[in-house]
Amino acid sequence: MPVMDTGQAKEFVLRHFEDFVNRKDLTAADRNFAPGSQEHGSDSPPGLPAGPEGPKQYLAAAFQRFPAGGKLAERWAYLQPPHPAE
């Protein structure tokens, strides 16, 4: 994935949350998480698999804990590594 400017990164995060969380589209994880990524949420259960499957399992469990129509608030930080040329 090419390096994103701030506006592109913001749009990516907003689109990801709209698809993955609000629309409950777990396939968004396949598009948005790298194969070796690791879930680091403070309430993430130990042993989640690396890559898209970890966030998919984590969010599927959250959907079960919070039934349809319930409200969920989340705080999330996106850290983009510096460009290799910097």
C-alpha atoms as a PDB file:
ATOM      1  CA  MET A   1       0.000   0.000   0.000  1.00  0.00           C
ATOM      2  CA  PRO A   2       1.442   3.395  -0.879  1.00  0.00           C
ATOM      3  CA  VAL A   3       1.988   5.982   1.817  1.00  0.00           C
ATOM      4  CA  MET A   4      -1.174   8.004   2.476  1.00  0.00           C
ATOM      5  CA  ASP A   5      -1.403  11.669   3.241  1.00  0.00           C
ATOM      6  CA  THR A   6      -3.463  12.719   6.271  1.00  0.00           C
ATOM      7  CA  GLY A   7      -6.697  13.126   4.302  1.00  0.00           C
ATOM      8  CA  GLN A   8      -6.327   9.721   2.654  1.00  0.00           C
ATOM      9  CA  ALA A   9      -5.572   8.068   5.994  1.00  0.00           C
ATOM     10  CA  LYS A  10      -8.644   9.670   7.571  1.00  0.00           C
ATOM     11  CA  GLU A  11     -10.844   8.504   4.689  1.00  0.00           C
ATOM     12  CA  PHE A  12      -9.394   4.984   4.934  1.00  0.00           C
ATOM     13  CA  VAL A  13     -10.128   4.763   8.676  1.00  0.00           C
ATOM     14  CA  LEU A  14     -13.654   6.169   8.305  1.00  0.00           C
ATOM     15  CA  ARG A  15     -14.457   3.780   5.445  1.00  0.00           C
ATOM     16  CA  HIS A  16     -12.968   0.844   7.376  1.00  0.00           C
ATOM     17  CA  PHE A  17     -15.110   1.529  10.459  1.00  0.00           C
ATOM     18  CA  GLU A  18     -18.226   2.129   8.377  1.00  0.00           C
ATOM     19  CA  ASP A  19     -17.788  -1.228   6.630  1.00  0.00           C
ATOM     20  CA  PHE A  20     -16.224  -3.381   9.357  1.00  0.00           C
ATOM     21  CA  VAL A  21     -18.105  -2.126  12.431  1.00  0.00           C
ATOM     22  CA  ASN A  22     -21.271  -0.291  11.386  1.00  0.00           C
ATOM     23  CA  ARG A  23     -22.209  -2.569   8.483  1.00  0.00           C
ATOM     24  CA  LYS A  24     -20.773  -5.661  10.217  1.00  0.00           C
ATOM     25  CA  ASP A  25     -18.920  -6.570   7.025  1.00  0.00           C
ATOM     26  CA  LEU A  26     -16.236  -8.897   8.333  1.00  0.00           C
ATOM     27  CA  THR A  27     -14.761  -9.236   4.833  1.00  0.00           C
ATOM     28  CA  ALA A  28     -13.439  -5.677   5.283  1.00  0.00           C
ATOM     29  CA  ALA A  29     -10.717  -7.256   7.428  1.00  0.00           C
ATOM     30  CA  ASP A  30      -9.463  -9.141   4.374  1.00  0.00           C
ATOM     31  CA  ARG A  31      -9.020  -5.812   2.564  1.00  0.00           C
ATOM     32  CA  ASN A  32      -7.651  -3.749   5.434  1.00  0.00           C
ATOM     33  CA  PHE A  33      -5.401  -5.917   7.619  1.00  0.00           C
ATOM     34  CA  ALA A  34      -1.996  -7.204   6.520  1.00  0.00           C
ATOM     35  CA  PRO A  35      -1.356 -10.966   6.676  1.00  0.00           C
ATOM     36  CA  GLY A  36       1.007 -10.612   9.651  1.00  0.00           C
ATOM     37  CA  SER A  37      -0.909  -7.936  11.571  1.00  0.00           C
ATOM     38  CA  GLN A  38      -1.706  -8.578  15.229  1.00  0.00           C
ATOM     39  CA  GLU A  39      -4.725  -7.357  17.234  1.00  0.00           C
ATOM     40  CA  HIS A  40      -3.612  -5.252  20.232  1.00  0.00           C
ATOM     41  CA  GLY A  41      -6.923  -4.096  21.720  1.00  0.00           C
ATOM     42  CA  SER A  42      -6.897  -3.787  25.514  1.00  0.00           C
ATOM     43  CA  ASP A  43      -9.760  -6.294  25.694  1.00  0.00           C
ATOM     44  CA  SER A  44      -8.480  -8.620  22.951  1.00  0.00           C
ATOM     45  CA  PRO A  45      -8.429 -12.210  24.159  1.00  0.00           C
ATOM     46  CA  PRO A  46      -5.042 -13.910  24.056  1.00  0.00           C
ATOM     47  CA  GLY A  47      -4.347 -16.272  21.216  1.00  0.00           C
ATOM     48  CA  LEU A  48      -6.112 -14.463  18.382  1.00  0.00           C
ATOM     49  CA  PRO A  49      -4.560 -15.483  15.061  1.00  0.00           C
ATOM     50  CA  ALA A  50      -2.430 -13.028  13.124  1.00  0.00           C
ATOM     51  CA  GLY A  51      -3.719 -11.362   9.995  1.00  0.00           C
ATOM     52  CA  PRO A  52      -7.328 -10.560   9.105  1.00  0.00           C
ATOM     53  CA  GLU A  53      -8.703 -13.571  10.972  1.00  0.00           C
ATOM     54  CA  GLY A  54      -7.821 -12.098  14.400  1.00  0.00           C
ATOM     55  CA  PRO A  55      -9.866  -8.893  14.021  1.00  0.00           C
ATOM     56  CA  LYS A  56     -12.689 -10.885  12.396  1.00  0.00           C
ATOM     57  CA  GLN A  57     -12.919 -13.193  15.429  1.00  0.00           C
ATOM     58  CA  TYR A  58     -12.632 -10.269  17.845  1.00  0.00           C
ATOM     59  CA  LEU A  59     -15.394  -8.256  16.158  1.00  0.00           C
ATOM     60  CA  ALA A  60     -17.696 -11.255  15.656  1.00  0.00           C
ATOM     61  CA  ALA A  61     -17.514 -11.843  19.424  1.00  0.00           C
ATOM     62  CA  ALA A  62     -18.244  -8.136  20.089  1.00  0.00           C
ATOM     63  CA  PHE A  63     -21.340  -8.345  17.869  1.00  0.00           C
ATOM     64  CA  GLN A  64     -22.589 -11.196  20.055  1.00  0.00           C
ATOM     65  CA  ARG A  65     -21.955  -9.220  23.273  1.00  0.00           C
ATOM     66  CA  PHE A  66     -23.783  -6.150  21.931  1.00  0.00           C
ATOM     67  CA  PRO A  67     -27.064  -7.137  20.262  1.00  0.00           C
ATOM     68  CA  ALA A  68     -28.548  -5.353  17.261  1.00  0.00           C
ATOM     69  CA  GLY A  69     -29.712  -1.863  18.104  1.00  0.00           C
ATOM     70  CA  GLY A  70     -27.232  -1.506  20.953  1.00  0.00           C
ATOM     71  CA  LYS A  71     -24.743   1.322  21.033  1.00  0.00           C
ATOM     72  CA  LEU A  72     -21.018   0.809  21.077  1.00  0.00           C
ATOM     73  CA  ALA A  73     -18.327   3.438  21.518  1.00  0.00           C
ATOM     74  CA  GLU A  74     -14.742   2.816  20.606  1.00  0.00           C
ATOM     75  CA  ARG A  75     -11.537   4.768  20.828  1.00  0.00           C
ATOM     76  CA  TRP A  76      -9.001   3.914  18.199  1.00  0.00           C
ATOM     77  CA  ALA A  77      -5.574   5.181  17.203  1.00  0.00           C
ATOM     78  CA  TYR A  78      -4.077   4.784  13.759  1.00  0.00           C
ATOM     79  CA  LEU A  79      -0.305   4.929  13.640  1.00  0.00           C
ATOM     80  CA  GLN A  80       1.241   5.272  10.226  1.00  0.00           C
ATOM     81  CA  PRO A  81       4.945   4.490  10.110  1.00  0.00           C
ATOM     82  CA  PRO A  82       7.185   7.157   8.642  1.00  0.00           C
ATOM     83  CA  HIS A  83       7.884   6.992   4.938  1.00  0.00           C
ATOM     84  CA  PRO A  84      11.082   4.995   4.260  1.00  0.00           C
ATOM     85  CA  ALA A  85      12.650   8.047   2.598  1.00  0.00           C
ATOM     86  CA  GLU A  86      12.220  10.164   5.745  1.00  0.00           C
END
